[in-house]
């Protein structure tokens, strides 16, 4: 049994120490959470840009293997090619050259882009890009991939060269310019 003379030592934290820890934790959370949300938005845009790049690479490969011209375009809900404000990215063989997909034409890919804004900039002011059976592109240009959320100005470009080469823009310092070419990649 415990006598009156025994001393029990209690270990723990005082209320003041706990309050200081909570204050430090909440301050760090206020700084870290917005940065993490911005990071997630940038990653989502980068992933979609990579998906667009892969689709263009696929278009090039199809043009070579099928030995036919393949068209890639940003399209509206009625499958008309447009430079911006489309809701899908199409890859198809445009047999009748009317710059829209018809049910009689084979559609290789159809990617929904509802959460992002894409803007197509192609040589000659065209609303599409075409790959020759040799794998070369008939047009050079880029597709700007942006998040549709207001206030988000982060974007990535998928750049297409006439040789058929495709690359992603890089903006490691987040200044809004491609690190390699110096061209602006800021979304409007």
N, C-alpha and C. Protein backbone atom coordinates (compact mmCIF):
# COMPACT_ATOMS: atom_id res chain seq x y z
N UNK A 1 0.84 -1.18 0.00
CA UNK A 1 0.00 0.00 0.00
C UNK A 1 0.88 1.23 0.00
N UNK A 2 0.28 2.26 -0.47
CA UNK A 2 1.02 3.52 -0.53
C UNK A 2 0.82 4.26 0.77
N UNK A 3 1.91 4.75 1.23
CA UNK A 3 1.83 5.52 2.47
C UNK A 3 1.74 7.01 2.16
N UNK A 4 1.62 7.75 3.17
CA UNK A 4 1.50 9.20 3.02
C UNK A 4 2.82 9.81 2.57
N UNK A 5 3.92 9.12 2.83
CA UNK A 5 5.22 9.68 2.50
C UNK A 5 5.66 9.39 1.06
N UNK A 6 4.98 8.50 0.39
CA UNK A 6 5.42 8.18 -0.97
C UNK A 6 5.06 9.32 -1.93
N UNK A 7 5.99 9.57 -2.80
CA UNK A 7 5.78 10.64 -3.79
C UNK A 7 5.53 10.00 -5.15
N UNK A 8 4.53 10.42 -5.80
CA UNK A 8 4.23 9.95 -7.14
C UNK A 8 4.62 11.06 -8.11
N UNK A 9 5.46 10.69 -9.06
CA UNK A 9 5.89 11.67 -10.05
C UNK A 9 5.02 11.50 -11.28
N UNK A 10 4.36 12.55 -11.68
CA UNK A 10 3.49 12.53 -12.84
C UNK A 10 4.23 13.20 -14.01
N UNK A 11 4.17 12.54 -15.14
CA UNK A 11 4.78 13.10 -16.34
C UNK A 11 3.66 13.53 -17.28
N UNK A 12 3.85 14.63 -17.95
CA UNK A 12 2.84 15.10 -18.89
C UNK A 12 3.16 16.50 -19.37
N UNK A 13 2.20 17.06 -20.05
CA UNK A 13 2.37 18.40 -20.61
C UNK A 13 1.43 19.35 -19.90
N UNK A 14 1.89 20.54 -19.75
CA UNK A 14 1.02 21.56 -19.15
C UNK A 14 0.09 22.09 -20.23
N UNK A 15 -0.92 22.78 -19.80
CA UNK A 15 -1.89 23.36 -20.72
C UNK A 15 -1.21 24.39 -21.64
N UNK A 16 -0.29 25.14 -21.10
CA UNK A 16 0.42 26.15 -21.90
C UNK A 16 1.24 25.48 -23.00
N UNK A 17 1.92 24.38 -22.67
CA UNK A 17 2.72 23.67 -23.68
C UNK A 17 1.83 23.13 -24.80
N UNK A 18 0.69 22.58 -24.44
CA UNK A 18 -0.24 22.06 -25.45
C UNK A 18 -0.77 23.18 -26.35
N UNK A 19 -1.05 24.33 -25.77
CA UNK A 19 -1.54 25.47 -26.55
C UNK A 19 -0.48 25.97 -27.52
N UNK A 20 0.77 25.98 -27.11
CA UNK A 20 1.86 26.42 -27.98
C UNK A 20 2.00 25.44 -29.16
N UNK A 21 1.93 24.15 -28.88
CA UNK A 21 2.03 23.14 -29.93
C UNK A 21 0.87 23.30 -30.93
N UNK A 22 -0.34 23.50 -30.44
CA UNK A 22 -1.49 23.70 -31.31
C UNK A 22 -1.35 24.96 -32.16
N UNK A 23 -0.81 26.01 -31.58
CA UNK A 23 -0.61 27.26 -32.32
C UNK A 23 0.41 27.06 -33.45
N UNK A 24 1.50 26.39 -33.16
CA UNK A 24 2.52 26.12 -34.18
C UNK A 24 1.95 25.22 -35.28
N UNK A 25 1.24 24.18 -34.91
CA UNK A 25 0.65 23.27 -35.88
C UNK A 25 -0.35 23.98 -36.78
N UNK A 26 -1.22 24.80 -36.21
CA UNK A 26 -2.22 25.50 -37.03
C UNK A 26 -1.56 26.53 -37.94
N UNK A 27 -0.51 27.18 -37.50
CA UNK A 27 0.22 28.13 -38.35
C UNK A 27 0.86 27.42 -39.53
N UNK A 28 1.47 26.28 -39.29
CA UNK A 28 2.08 25.51 -40.37
C UNK A 28 1.02 25.00 -41.35
N UNK A 29 -0.13 24.60 -40.84
CA UNK A 29 -1.21 24.12 -41.70
C UNK A 29 -1.73 25.23 -42.61
N UNK A 30 -1.83 26.45 -42.08
CA UNK A 30 -2.32 27.56 -42.88
C UNK A 30 -1.38 27.87 -44.04
N UNK A 31 -0.11 27.61 -43.87
CA UNK A 31 0.86 27.86 -44.93
C UNK A 31 0.91 26.68 -45.90
N UNK A 32 0.86 25.47 -45.40
CA UNK A 32 1.07 24.28 -46.22
C UNK A 32 -0.14 23.89 -47.07
N UNK A 33 -1.35 24.03 -46.57
CA UNK A 33 -2.53 23.55 -47.29
C UNK A 33 -2.74 24.28 -48.62
N UNK A 34 -2.70 25.61 -48.68
CA UNK A 34 -2.85 26.26 -49.99
C UNK A 34 -1.76 25.86 -50.98
N UNK A 35 -0.54 25.70 -50.52
CA UNK A 35 0.53 25.27 -51.41
C UNK A 35 0.27 23.87 -51.94
N UNK A 36 -0.25 23.00 -51.11
CA UNK A 36 -0.53 21.63 -51.53
C UNK A 36 -1.67 21.61 -52.55
N UNK A 37 -2.69 22.44 -52.36
CA UNK A 37 -3.81 22.51 -53.30
C UNK A 37 -3.31 23.00 -54.66
N UNK A 38 -2.47 24.04 -54.67
CA UNK A 38 -1.90 24.54 -55.93
C UNK A 38 -1.05 23.45 -56.60
N UNK A 39 -0.30 22.72 -55.80
CA UNK A 39 0.52 21.62 -56.33
C UNK A 39 -0.37 20.58 -57.01
N UNK A 40 -1.48 20.22 -56.38
CA UNK A 40 -2.39 19.23 -56.95
C UNK A 40 -2.99 19.72 -58.26
N UNK A 41 -3.35 21.01 -58.33
CA UNK A 41 -3.91 21.57 -59.58
C UNK A 41 -2.87 21.54 -60.69
N UNK A 42 -1.62 21.89 -60.37
CA UNK A 42 -0.55 21.86 -61.37
C UNK A 42 -0.31 20.43 -61.85
N UNK A 43 -0.35 19.48 -60.93
CA UNK A 43 -0.15 18.07 -61.30
C UNK A 43 -1.27 17.58 -62.21
N UNK A 44 -2.52 17.96 -61.91
CA UNK A 44 -3.65 17.53 -62.75
C UNK A 44 -3.51 18.09 -64.16
N UNK A 45 -3.07 19.35 -64.28
CA UNK A 45 -2.86 19.95 -65.59
C UNK A 45 -1.72 19.25 -66.32
N UNK A 46 -0.65 18.95 -65.61
CA UNK A 46 0.48 18.25 -66.23
C UNK A 46 0.11 16.85 -66.70
N UNK A 47 -0.70 16.16 -65.93
CA UNK A 47 -1.14 14.81 -66.31
C UNK A 47 -2.00 14.87 -67.57
N UNK A 48 -2.90 15.85 -67.66
CA UNK A 48 -3.74 15.99 -68.85
C UNK A 48 -2.89 16.36 -70.06
N UNK A 49 -1.87 17.22 -69.87
CA UNK A 49 -0.98 17.58 -70.97
C UNK A 49 -0.21 16.35 -71.45
N UNK A 50 0.19 15.50 -70.54
CA UNK A 50 0.87 14.26 -70.90
C UNK A 50 -0.07 13.34 -71.68
N UNK A 51 -1.34 13.32 -71.30
CA UNK A 51 -2.33 12.52 -72.02
C UNK A 51 -2.51 13.05 -73.45
N UNK A 52 -2.52 14.37 -73.61
CA UNK A 52 -2.62 14.97 -74.95
C UNK A 52 -1.39 14.61 -75.77
N UNK A 53 -0.21 14.67 -75.16
CA UNK A 53 1.04 14.32 -75.85
C UNK A 53 1.00 12.87 -76.31
N UNK A 54 0.54 11.98 -75.45
CA UNK A 54 0.44 10.57 -75.82
C UNK A 54 -0.54 10.36 -76.97
N UNK A 55 -1.62 11.14 -76.96
CA UNK A 55 -2.59 11.01 -78.05
C UNK A 55 -1.97 11.45 -79.37
N UNK A 56 -1.18 12.51 -79.35
CA UNK A 56 -0.51 12.97 -80.57
C UNK A 56 0.52 11.94 -81.04
N UNK A 57 1.23 11.33 -80.11
CA UNK A 57 2.18 10.27 -80.47
C UNK A 57 1.45 9.08 -81.07
N UNK A 58 0.30 8.77 -80.51
CA UNK A 58 -0.52 7.68 -81.04
C UNK A 58 -1.00 8.01 -82.45
N UNK A 59 -1.39 9.27 -82.68
CA UNK A 59 -1.83 9.69 -84.02
C UNK A 59 -0.70 9.51 -85.03
N UNK A 60 0.49 9.88 -84.63
CA UNK A 60 1.66 9.73 -85.51
C UNK A 60 1.90 8.25 -85.84
N UNK A 61 1.83 7.42 -84.81
CA UNK A 61 2.04 5.98 -85.02
C UNK A 61 0.96 5.37 -85.91
N UNK A 62 -0.29 5.78 -85.73
CA UNK A 62 -1.38 5.28 -86.57
C UNK A 62 -1.16 5.70 -88.02
N UNK A 63 -0.76 6.96 -88.24
CA UNK A 63 -0.52 7.45 -89.60
C UNK A 63 0.55 6.60 -90.30
N UNK A 64 1.59 6.23 -89.56
CA UNK A 64 2.67 5.43 -90.14
C UNK A 64 2.20 4.00 -90.41
N UNK A 65 1.59 3.37 -89.40
CA UNK A 65 1.22 1.96 -89.55
C UNK A 65 0.06 1.75 -90.52
N UNK A 66 -0.90 2.65 -90.57
CA UNK A 66 -2.05 2.52 -91.48
C UNK A 66 -1.77 3.15 -92.84
N UNK A 67 -0.65 3.87 -92.94
CA UNK A 67 -0.24 4.53 -94.18
C UNK A 67 -1.35 5.46 -94.71
N UNK A 68 -1.88 6.30 -93.80
CA UNK A 68 -2.91 7.26 -94.18
C UNK A 68 -2.78 8.51 -93.31
N UNK A 69 -3.34 9.59 -93.81
CA UNK A 69 -3.33 10.85 -93.06
C UNK A 69 -4.30 10.76 -91.89
N UNK A 70 -3.83 11.17 -90.72
CA UNK A 70 -4.64 11.14 -89.51
C UNK A 70 -4.80 12.56 -89.00
N UNK A 71 -6.00 12.89 -88.58
CA UNK A 71 -6.30 14.24 -88.10
C UNK A 71 -6.53 14.23 -86.60
N UNK A 72 -6.01 15.26 -85.92
CA UNK A 72 -6.23 15.47 -84.50
C UNK A 72 -6.85 16.85 -84.36
N UNK A 73 -7.95 16.94 -83.63
CA UNK A 73 -8.55 18.26 -83.44
C UNK A 73 -9.27 18.36 -82.11
N UNK A 74 -9.37 19.57 -81.65
CA UNK A 74 -10.20 19.94 -80.51
C UNK A 74 -11.60 20.07 -81.09
N UNK A 75 -12.58 19.40 -80.51
CA UNK A 75 -13.91 19.36 -81.13
C UNK A 75 -15.02 19.75 -80.17
N UNK A 76 -16.09 20.24 -80.75
CA UNK A 76 -17.29 20.58 -80.00
C UNK A 76 -18.11 19.30 -79.79
N UNK A 77 -19.24 19.43 -79.11
CA UNK A 77 -20.07 18.24 -78.85
C UNK A 77 -20.66 17.65 -80.13
N UNK A 78 -20.77 18.45 -81.21
CA UNK A 78 -21.26 17.91 -82.47
C UNK A 78 -20.11 17.51 -83.41
N UNK A 79 -18.93 17.33 -82.84
CA UNK A 79 -17.73 16.81 -83.52
C UNK A 79 -17.16 17.74 -84.59
N UNK A 80 -17.39 19.02 -84.49
CA UNK A 80 -16.76 19.99 -85.40
C UNK A 80 -15.44 20.45 -84.79
N UNK A 81 -14.41 20.52 -85.62
CA UNK A 81 -13.10 20.96 -85.14
C UNK A 81 -13.13 22.46 -84.85
N UNK A 82 -12.49 22.86 -83.76
CA UNK A 82 -12.45 24.26 -83.34
C UNK A 82 -11.08 24.57 -82.74
N UNK A 83 -10.74 25.84 -82.64
CA UNK A 83 -9.44 26.23 -82.06
C UNK A 83 -9.48 26.25 -80.55
N UNK A 84 -10.63 26.58 -79.97
CA UNK A 84 -10.77 26.60 -78.51
C UNK A 84 -12.22 26.37 -78.13
N UNK A 85 -12.48 26.21 -76.85
CA UNK A 85 -13.81 25.97 -76.29
C UNK A 85 -14.42 24.64 -76.74
N UNK A 86 -13.60 23.69 -77.10
CA UNK A 86 -14.10 22.36 -77.39
C UNK A 86 -14.22 21.57 -76.10
N UNK A 87 -14.93 20.46 -76.16
CA UNK A 87 -15.07 19.63 -74.96
C UNK A 87 -14.50 18.23 -75.14
N UNK A 88 -13.80 18.01 -76.26
CA UNK A 88 -13.18 16.71 -76.51
C UNK A 88 -12.00 16.89 -77.44
N UNK A 89 -11.11 15.94 -77.39
CA UNK A 89 -9.98 15.89 -78.31
C UNK A 89 -10.16 14.62 -79.14
N UNK A 90 -10.22 14.78 -80.46
CA UNK A 90 -10.50 13.67 -81.36
C UNK A 90 -9.29 13.29 -82.19
N UNK A 91 -9.19 12.01 -82.49
CA UNK A 91 -8.18 11.48 -83.39
C UNK A 91 -8.93 10.59 -84.38
N UNK A 92 -8.91 10.96 -85.66
CA UNK A 92 -9.69 10.21 -86.64
C UNK A 92 -9.10 10.36 -88.04
N UNK A 93 -9.58 9.51 -88.94
CA UNK A 93 -9.21 9.60 -90.35
C UNK A 93 -10.34 10.34 -91.05
N UNK A 94 -10.06 11.55 -91.52
CA UNK A 94 -11.08 12.42 -92.14
C UNK A 94 -11.14 12.13 -93.64
N UNK A 95 -11.91 11.12 -94.01
CA UNK A 95 -11.97 10.68 -95.40
C UNK A 95 -12.54 11.75 -96.33
N UNK A 96 -13.54 12.48 -95.88
CA UNK A 96 -14.18 13.48 -96.75
C UNK A 96 -13.63 14.89 -96.53
N UNK A 97 -12.62 15.04 -95.73
CA UNK A 97 -11.93 16.31 -95.43
C UNK A 97 -12.87 17.47 -95.10
N UNK A 98 -13.91 17.19 -94.32
CA UNK A 98 -14.82 18.25 -93.89
C UNK A 98 -14.49 18.77 -92.49
N UNK A 99 -13.40 18.33 -91.93
CA UNK A 99 -12.89 18.79 -90.63
C UNK A 99 -13.83 18.53 -89.47
N UNK A 100 -14.56 17.46 -89.58
CA UNK A 100 -15.36 16.98 -88.46
C UNK A 100 -15.51 15.48 -88.62
N UNK A 101 -15.69 14.82 -87.49
CA UNK A 101 -15.84 13.38 -87.52
C UNK A 101 -17.28 13.03 -87.90
N UNK A 102 -17.43 12.08 -88.82
CA UNK A 102 -18.74 11.56 -89.21
C UNK A 102 -18.79 10.08 -88.83
N UNK A 103 -19.96 9.54 -88.71
CA UNK A 103 -20.10 8.14 -88.32
C UNK A 103 -19.50 7.18 -89.34
N UNK A 104 -19.35 7.62 -90.57
CA UNK A 104 -18.75 6.76 -91.60
C UNK A 104 -17.22 6.73 -91.50
N UNK A 105 -16.64 7.60 -90.67
CA UNK A 105 -15.18 7.67 -90.52
C UNK A 105 -14.75 6.98 -89.23
N UNK A 106 -13.56 6.38 -89.29
CA UNK A 106 -13.07 5.66 -88.12
C UNK A 106 -12.49 6.64 -87.11
N UNK A 107 -12.97 6.52 -85.87
CA UNK A 107 -12.49 7.37 -84.78
C UNK A 107 -11.55 6.51 -83.92
N UNK A 108 -10.28 6.93 -83.84
CA UNK A 108 -9.29 6.17 -83.07
C UNK A 108 -9.32 6.51 -81.59
N UNK A 109 -9.52 7.76 -81.27
CA UNK A 109 -9.59 8.19 -79.87
C UNK A 109 -10.55 9.36 -79.73
N UNK A 110 -11.14 9.46 -78.55
CA UNK A 110 -12.03 10.55 -78.19
C UNK A 110 -11.84 10.79 -76.70
N UNK A 111 -11.13 11.86 -76.33
CA UNK A 111 -10.83 12.15 -74.93
C UNK A 111 -11.68 13.33 -74.47
N UNK A 112 -12.41 13.14 -73.38
CA UNK A 112 -13.19 14.23 -72.79
C UNK A 112 -12.24 15.19 -72.07
N UNK A 113 -12.48 16.48 -72.24
CA UNK A 113 -11.63 17.49 -71.60
C UNK A 113 -12.49 18.50 -70.85
N UNK A 114 -13.54 18.05 -70.21
CA UNK A 114 -14.50 18.93 -69.53
C UNK A 114 -13.85 19.80 -68.45
N UNK A 115 -12.92 19.27 -67.69
CA UNK A 115 -12.36 20.02 -66.56
C UNK A 115 -11.23 20.95 -66.96
N UNK A 116 -10.78 20.87 -68.19
CA UNK A 116 -9.66 21.69 -68.63
C UNK A 116 -10.03 22.49 -69.87
N UNK A 117 -9.28 23.55 -70.09
CA UNK A 117 -9.45 24.36 -71.29
C UNK A 117 -8.24 24.12 -72.20
N UNK A 118 -8.50 23.76 -73.43
CA UNK A 118 -7.44 23.56 -74.41
C UNK A 118 -7.55 24.63 -75.48
N UNK A 119 -6.41 25.10 -75.93
CA UNK A 119 -6.39 26.09 -77.01
C UNK A 119 -5.39 25.60 -78.04
N UNK A 120 -5.85 25.53 -79.27
CA UNK A 120 -5.05 25.02 -80.37
C UNK A 120 -4.47 26.19 -81.16
N UNK A 121 -3.16 26.20 -81.35
CA UNK A 121 -2.48 27.20 -82.18
C UNK A 121 -1.69 26.44 -83.23
N UNK A 122 -2.13 26.53 -84.48
CA UNK A 122 -1.53 25.74 -85.55
C UNK A 122 -1.14 26.66 -86.70
N UNK A 123 -0.04 26.30 -87.38
CA UNK A 123 0.39 27.09 -88.54
C UNK A 123 -0.72 27.14 -89.57
N UNK A 124 -0.84 28.27 -90.24
CA UNK A 124 -1.88 28.44 -91.24
C UNK A 124 -3.24 28.75 -90.65
N UNK A 125 -3.33 28.90 -89.32
CA UNK A 125 -4.60 29.21 -88.68
C UNK A 125 -5.60 28.07 -88.70
N UNK A 126 -5.14 26.86 -88.93
CA UNK A 126 -6.04 25.71 -89.03
C UNK A 126 -6.62 25.33 -87.67
N UNK A 127 -7.71 24.58 -87.71
CA UNK A 127 -8.39 24.11 -86.50
C UNK A 127 -8.05 22.65 -86.21
N UNK A 128 -6.99 22.16 -86.78
CA UNK A 128 -6.63 20.75 -86.64
C UNK A 128 -5.15 20.58 -86.94
N UNK A 129 -4.63 19.42 -86.57
CA UNK A 129 -3.27 19.00 -86.94
C UNK A 129 -3.40 17.70 -87.70
N UNK A 130 -2.53 17.51 -88.70
CA UNK A 130 -2.57 16.29 -89.49
C UNK A 130 -1.19 15.64 -89.51
N UNK A 131 -1.20 14.32 -89.46
CA UNK A 131 0.04 13.54 -89.59
C UNK A 131 0.02 12.81 -90.93
N UNK A 132 1.12 12.92 -91.65
CA UNK A 132 1.29 12.23 -92.93
C UNK A 132 1.62 10.76 -92.68
N UNK A 133 1.48 9.91 -93.68
CA UNK A 133 1.86 8.50 -93.54
C UNK A 133 3.35 8.31 -93.23
N UNK A 134 4.16 9.34 -93.44
CA UNK A 134 5.59 9.25 -93.11
C UNK A 134 5.86 9.54 -91.64
N UNK A 135 4.84 10.02 -90.91
CA UNK A 135 5.01 10.36 -89.51
C UNK A 135 5.29 11.83 -89.28
N UNK A 136 5.46 12.58 -90.37
CA UNK A 136 5.68 14.01 -90.24
C UNK A 136 4.34 14.71 -90.04
N UNK A 137 4.40 15.87 -89.40
CA UNK A 137 3.19 16.66 -89.22
C UNK A 137 3.06 17.63 -90.37
N UNK A 138 1.86 17.81 -90.88
CA UNK A 138 1.65 18.78 -91.97
C UNK A 138 1.66 20.20 -91.42
N UNK A 139 1.39 20.35 -90.13
CA UNK A 139 1.38 21.65 -89.48
C UNK A 139 2.23 21.61 -88.22
N UNK A 140 2.88 22.71 -87.93
CA UNK A 140 3.53 22.84 -86.63
C UNK A 140 2.59 23.66 -85.75
N UNK A 141 2.74 23.51 -84.47
CA UNK A 141 1.88 24.27 -83.57
C UNK A 141 1.94 23.72 -82.17
N UNK A 142 0.97 24.13 -81.35
CA UNK A 142 0.92 23.65 -79.97
C UNK A 142 -0.51 23.62 -79.47
N UNK A 143 -0.67 22.86 -78.41
CA UNK A 143 -1.95 22.80 -77.71
C UNK A 143 -1.66 23.26 -76.28
N UNK A 144 -2.31 24.36 -75.89
CA UNK A 144 -2.16 24.89 -74.54
C UNK A 144 -3.19 24.22 -73.65
N UNK A 145 -2.74 23.62 -72.56
CA UNK A 145 -3.61 22.91 -71.62
C UNK A 145 -3.68 23.73 -70.34
N UNK A 146 -4.88 24.16 -69.96
CA UNK A 146 -5.08 25.00 -68.78
C UNK A 146 -6.20 24.44 -67.90
N UNK A 147 -6.15 24.76 -66.63
CA UNK A 147 -7.21 24.40 -65.70
C UNK A 147 -8.33 25.43 -65.85
N UNK A 148 -9.58 24.99 -65.87
CA UNK A 148 -10.71 25.92 -66.06
C UNK A 148 -11.04 26.72 -64.81
N UNK A 149 -10.48 26.37 -63.66
CA UNK A 149 -10.81 27.08 -62.42
C UNK A 149 -10.36 28.52 -62.51
N UNK A 150 -11.21 29.40 -62.02
CA UNK A 150 -10.87 30.83 -62.02
C UNK A 150 -9.67 31.07 -61.12
N UNK A 151 -8.78 31.90 -61.57
CA UNK A 151 -7.61 32.24 -60.77
C UNK A 151 -6.42 31.35 -61.03
N UNK A 152 -6.60 30.26 -61.74
CA UNK A 152 -5.50 29.36 -62.03
C UNK A 152 -4.88 29.77 -63.36
N UNK A 153 -3.62 30.17 -63.33
CA UNK A 153 -2.98 30.60 -64.57
C UNK A 153 -1.89 29.63 -65.01
N UNK A 154 -1.78 28.50 -64.34
CA UNK A 154 -0.76 27.51 -64.69
C UNK A 154 -1.20 26.74 -65.93
N UNK A 155 -0.31 26.58 -66.87
CA UNK A 155 -0.61 25.84 -68.08
C UNK A 155 0.60 25.07 -68.57
N UNK A 156 0.33 24.13 -69.44
CA UNK A 156 1.39 23.36 -70.12
C UNK A 156 1.08 23.37 -71.60
N UNK A 157 2.13 23.39 -72.40
CA UNK A 157 1.95 23.31 -73.85
C UNK A 157 2.47 21.97 -74.34
N UNK A 158 1.74 21.42 -75.28
CA UNK A 158 2.19 20.26 -76.03
C UNK A 158 2.60 20.81 -77.38
N UNK A 159 3.89 20.75 -77.69
CA UNK A 159 4.44 21.38 -78.87
C UNK A 159 4.71 20.34 -79.95
N UNK A 160 4.24 20.62 -81.17
CA UNK A 160 4.39 19.70 -82.29
C UNK A 160 5.24 20.38 -83.36
N UNK A 161 6.29 19.69 -83.79
CA UNK A 161 7.17 20.19 -84.85
C UNK A 161 6.78 19.53 -86.16
N UNK A 162 7.15 20.15 -87.28
CA UNK A 162 6.82 19.59 -88.60
C UNK A 162 7.45 18.22 -88.81
N UNK A 163 8.55 17.97 -88.14
CA UNK A 163 9.20 16.66 -88.26
C UNK A 163 8.36 15.55 -87.64
N UNK A 164 7.36 15.94 -86.85
CA UNK A 164 6.53 14.97 -86.16
C UNK A 164 6.90 14.84 -84.69
N UNK A 165 8.03 15.43 -84.32
CA UNK A 165 8.47 15.38 -82.92
C UNK A 165 7.48 16.13 -82.04
N UNK A 166 7.25 15.60 -80.85
CA UNK A 166 6.31 16.19 -79.90
C UNK A 166 7.03 16.33 -78.56
N UNK A 167 6.88 17.48 -77.91
CA UNK A 167 7.47 17.66 -76.59
C UNK A 167 6.54 18.48 -75.71
N UNK A 168 6.71 18.34 -74.42
CA UNK A 168 5.96 19.12 -73.44
C UNK A 168 6.77 20.33 -73.03
N UNK A 169 6.10 21.44 -72.81
CA UNK A 169 6.78 22.62 -72.29
C UNK A 169 7.18 22.33 -70.84
N UNK A 170 8.14 23.08 -70.38
CA UNK A 170 8.60 22.93 -69.01
C UNK A 170 8.73 24.30 -68.38
N UNK A 171 8.17 24.47 -67.20
CA UNK A 171 8.24 25.74 -66.50
C UNK A 171 8.56 25.46 -65.03
N UNK A 172 9.78 25.02 -64.78
CA UNK A 172 10.18 24.64 -63.43
C UNK A 172 10.19 25.81 -62.45
N UNK A 173 10.49 27.02 -62.94
CA UNK A 173 10.55 28.17 -62.05
C UNK A 173 9.21 28.90 -61.93
N UNK A 174 8.16 28.38 -62.58
CA UNK A 174 6.79 28.90 -62.52
C UNK A 174 6.70 30.39 -62.88
N UNK A 175 7.52 30.83 -63.84
CA UNK A 175 7.46 32.22 -64.27
C UNK A 175 6.52 32.44 -65.45
N UNK A 176 5.91 31.36 -65.95
CA UNK A 176 4.96 31.48 -67.05
C UNK A 176 5.59 31.37 -68.43
N UNK A 177 6.88 31.01 -68.48
CA UNK A 177 7.57 30.88 -69.76
C UNK A 177 8.24 29.51 -69.85
N UNK A 178 8.20 28.95 -71.06
CA UNK A 178 8.85 27.66 -71.30
C UNK A 178 10.35 27.81 -71.06
N UNK A 179 10.91 26.93 -70.24
CA UNK A 179 12.33 27.02 -69.89
C UNK A 179 13.24 26.83 -71.09
N UNK A 180 12.80 26.08 -72.10
CA UNK A 180 13.64 25.80 -73.26
C UNK A 180 13.52 26.87 -74.35
N UNK A 181 12.27 27.24 -74.71
CA UNK A 181 12.09 28.17 -75.82
C UNK A 181 11.89 29.60 -75.39
N UNK A 182 11.44 29.83 -74.17
CA UNK A 182 11.17 31.18 -73.70
C UNK A 182 9.79 31.70 -74.07
N UNK A 183 8.96 30.88 -74.73
CA UNK A 183 7.61 31.30 -75.10
C UNK A 183 6.67 31.26 -73.90
N UNK A 184 5.72 32.17 -73.89
CA UNK A 184 4.74 32.27 -72.81
C UNK A 184 3.82 31.05 -72.80
N UNK A 185 3.55 30.52 -71.61
CA UNK A 185 2.61 29.41 -71.47
C UNK A 185 1.57 29.70 -70.39
N UNK A 186 1.32 30.96 -70.15
CA UNK A 186 0.35 31.37 -69.15
C UNK A 186 -1.05 31.31 -69.73
N UNK A 187 -1.97 30.79 -68.97
CA UNK A 187 -3.37 30.71 -69.39
C UNK A 187 -4.06 32.05 -69.15
N UNK A 188 -5.01 32.35 -70.01
CA UNK A 188 -5.75 33.63 -69.90
C UNK A 188 -6.91 33.50 -68.96
